[in-house]
C-alpha atoms as a PDB file:
ATOM      1  CA  MET A   1      -7.131  24.850  13.413  1.00  0.00           C
ATOM      2  CA  LYS A   2      -4.929  23.482  10.617  1.00  0.00           C
ATOM      3  CA  ASP A   3      -1.870  25.443  11.797  1.00  0.00           C
ATOM      4  CA  PHE A   4      -2.486  24.466  15.419  1.00  0.00           C
ATOM      5  CA  ILE A   5      -2.679  20.760  14.545  1.00  0.00           C
ATOM      6  CA  GLU A   6       0.213  20.664  12.083  1.00  0.00           C
ATOM      7  CA  LYS A   7       2.634  23.136  13.640  1.00  0.00           C
ATOM      8  CA  THR A   8       1.947  23.256  17.372  1.00  0.00           C
ATOM      9  CA  LEU A   9       0.898  19.679  18.078  1.00  0.00           C
ATOM     10  CA  GLY A  10       2.679  18.146  15.095  1.00  0.00           C
ATOM     11  CA  ALA A  11       6.035  19.399  16.345  1.00  0.00           C
ATOM     12  CA  ARG A  12       5.740  17.079  19.336  1.00  0.00           C
ATOM     13  CA  LEU A  13       5.069  14.077  17.091  1.00  0.00           C
ATOM     14  CA  GLN A  14       8.090  14.800  14.916  1.00  0.00           C
ATOM     15  CA  GLY A  15      10.369  14.015  17.833  1.00  0.00           C
ATOM     16  CA  ASP A  16       9.276  10.388  17.493  1.00  0.00           C
ATOM     17  CA  GLY A  17       9.585  10.320  13.698  1.00  0.00           C
ATOM     18  CA  GLY A  18       5.950  10.909  12.823  1.00  0.00           C
ATOM     19  CA  TRP A  19       3.768  13.732  11.665  1.00  0.00           C
ATOM     20  CA  VAL A  20       0.124  14.679  11.428  1.00  0.00           C
ATOM     21  CA  GLU A  21      -1.819  16.489   8.722  1.00  0.00           C
ATOM     22  CA  PHE A  22      -5.162  18.223   9.126  1.00  0.00           C
ATOM     23  CA  GLU A  23      -7.701  16.891   6.630  1.00  0.00           C
ATOM     24  CA  LYS A  24     -11.069  18.288   7.737  1.00  0.00           C
ATOM     25  CA  LEU A  25     -13.354  19.254  10.592  1.00  0.00           C
ATOM     26  CA  GLU A  26     -17.005  18.489   9.920  1.00  0.00           C
ATOM     27  CA  GLU A  27     -19.902  18.038  12.322  1.00  0.00           C
ATOM     28  CA  GLY A  28     -17.701  17.551  15.367  1.00  0.00           C
ATOM     29  CA  GLU A  29     -15.360  15.051  13.722  1.00  0.00           C
ATOM     30  CA  LEU A  30     -11.741  16.029  13.235  1.00  0.00           C
ATOM     31  CA  THR A  31     -10.106  13.909  10.532  1.00  0.00           C
ATOM     32  CA  LEU A  32      -6.324  13.729  10.717  1.00  0.00           C
ATOM     33  CA  VAL A  33      -3.810  11.885   8.560  1.00  0.00           C
ATOM     34  CA  PHE A  34      -0.931  10.316  10.472  1.00  0.00           C
ATOM     35  CA  ARG A  35       2.292   9.567   8.603  1.00  0.00           C
ATOM     36  CA  GLY A  36       5.785   8.351   9.318  1.00  0.00           C
ATOM     37  CA  GLU A  37       6.152   6.420  12.550  1.00  0.00           C
ATOM     38  CA  CYS A  38       2.624   7.489  13.517  1.00  0.00           C
ATOM     39  CA  SER A  39       1.230   5.431  10.634  1.00  0.00           C
ATOM     40  CA  LYS A  40       2.279   2.228  12.377  1.00  0.00           C
ATOM     41  CA  CYS A  41       2.052   3.283  16.029  1.00  0.00           C
ATOM     42  CA  LEU A  42       0.384   0.787  18.355  1.00  0.00           C
ATOM     43  CA  ILE A  43      -0.862   3.465  20.759  1.00  0.00           C
ATOM     44  CA  LEU A  44      -2.171   6.009  18.257  1.00  0.00           C
ATOM     45  CA  ASN A  45      -5.451   6.112  20.165  1.00  0.00           C
ATOM     46  CA  ARG A  46      -3.637   7.780  23.090  1.00  0.00           C
ATOM     47  CA  CYS A  47      -2.288  10.442  20.775  1.00  0.00           C
ATOM     48  CA  CYS A  48      -5.773  11.026  19.362  1.00  0.00           C
ATOM     49  CA  ASP A  49      -7.118  11.446  22.903  1.00  0.00           C
ATOM     50  CA  TRP A  50      -4.331  13.941  23.643  1.00  0.00           C
ATOM     51  CA  ILE A  51      -5.118  15.911  20.469  1.00  0.00           C
ATOM     52  CA  ARG A  52      -8.824  15.931  21.371  1.00  0.00           C
ATOM     53  CA  GLU A  53      -7.982  17.363  24.811  1.00  0.00           C
ATOM     54  CA  LYS A  54      -5.725  20.055  23.330  1.00  0.00           C
ATOM     55  CA  VAL A  55      -8.406  21.092  20.826  1.00  0.00           C
ATOM     56  CA  LYS A  56     -10.909  21.381  23.660  1.00  0.00           C
ATOM     57  CA  GLU A  57      -8.476  23.434  25.793  1.00  0.00           C
ATOM     58  CA  ASN A  58      -7.514  25.818  22.992  1.00  0.00           C
ATOM     59  CA  PHE A  59     -10.700  26.100  20.932  1.00  0.00           C
ATOM     60  CA  GLY A  60     -13.468  25.011  23.298  1.00  0.00           C
ATOM     61  CA  LEU A  61     -14.587  22.351  20.814  1.00  0.00           C
ATOM     62  CA  ASP A  62     -15.525  18.842  21.868  1.00  0.00           C
ATOM     63  CA  VAL A  63     -14.546  16.743  18.861  1.00  0.00           C
ATOM     64  CA  THR A  64     -13.944  13.132  18.010  1.00  0.00           C
ATOM     65  CA  VAL A  65     -10.713  12.363  16.197  1.00  0.00           C
ATOM     66  CA  ALA A  66     -10.781  10.104  13.158  1.00  0.00           C
ATOM     67  CA  ALA A  67      -7.274   8.818  12.455  1.00  0.00           C
ATOM     68  CA  VAL A  68      -6.223   7.907   8.931  1.00  0.00           C
ATOM     69  CA  ARG A  69      -2.915   6.047   8.754  1.00  0.00           C
ATOM     70  CA  LYS A  70      -0.813   6.596   5.639  1.00  0.00           C
ATOM     71  CA  LYS A  71       2.761   5.606   5.195  1.00  0.00           C
ATOM     72  CA  PRO A  72       5.007   8.023   3.295  1.00  0.00           C
ATOM     73  CA  TYR A  73       5.190   7.441  -0.447  1.00  0.00           C
ATOM     74  CA  PHE A  74       8.924   6.704  -0.267  1.00  0.00           C
ATOM     75  CA  TRP A  75       8.310   3.673   1.994  1.00  0.00           C
ATOM     76  CA  ASP A  76       6.752   1.877  -0.986  1.00  0.00           C
ATOM     77  CA  LYS A  77      10.067   1.670  -2.824  1.00  0.00           C
END
């Protein structure tokens, strides 16, 4: 699941300057950390819906996506 999220789906987010990191999957909740441009995206909920659909298509799991927004450490400087 981690590789699918970060490499397969994450590659599509990188085109817009963002990236996603898998944090955990527990009790039907998929927690993902969004960084870069994703951390400040106004339509992140659409991306989360898209990820949920792709997880269902590829793994047969019906999950909810919990999005954690974190800006990259170098943006603090």
